[in-house]
Amino acid sequence: MIDFLKENIWFILFLIWGLPLSIYRSRFRKIVYQTDSWLINIKPLFIKEIRGLFGNLYPKNKIYIKQRNFYRLYLSIYTVLFILYLVYA
């Protein structure tokens, strides 16, 4: 069992960290595109989403700002994991 974990640690880390990604992205996209429809999860609308992630689309919306900052943190940790994988694997 220990050998399996050693050999597949990066896969396990990415899997565990990536599981809630769809939930967080869905919440963020629903705020950015101002909809409650589940269809926003499958539509390839990226421009406004990227602007919302790196900019400030709704400066007075506290929920948007809180979700954007959380999503930024989540994605930055994902990026750090990927860089560590590239360096150490």
Foldseek 3Di string as FASTA:
>chain_A
DVVVCVVCVLVVVCVVLVPCVLVLLQVLQCVQVVHPDPCSSVDPDPPSSVCLLPHPPDVVDPVNVVSSVVNNVSVVVVVVSVVCVVVPD
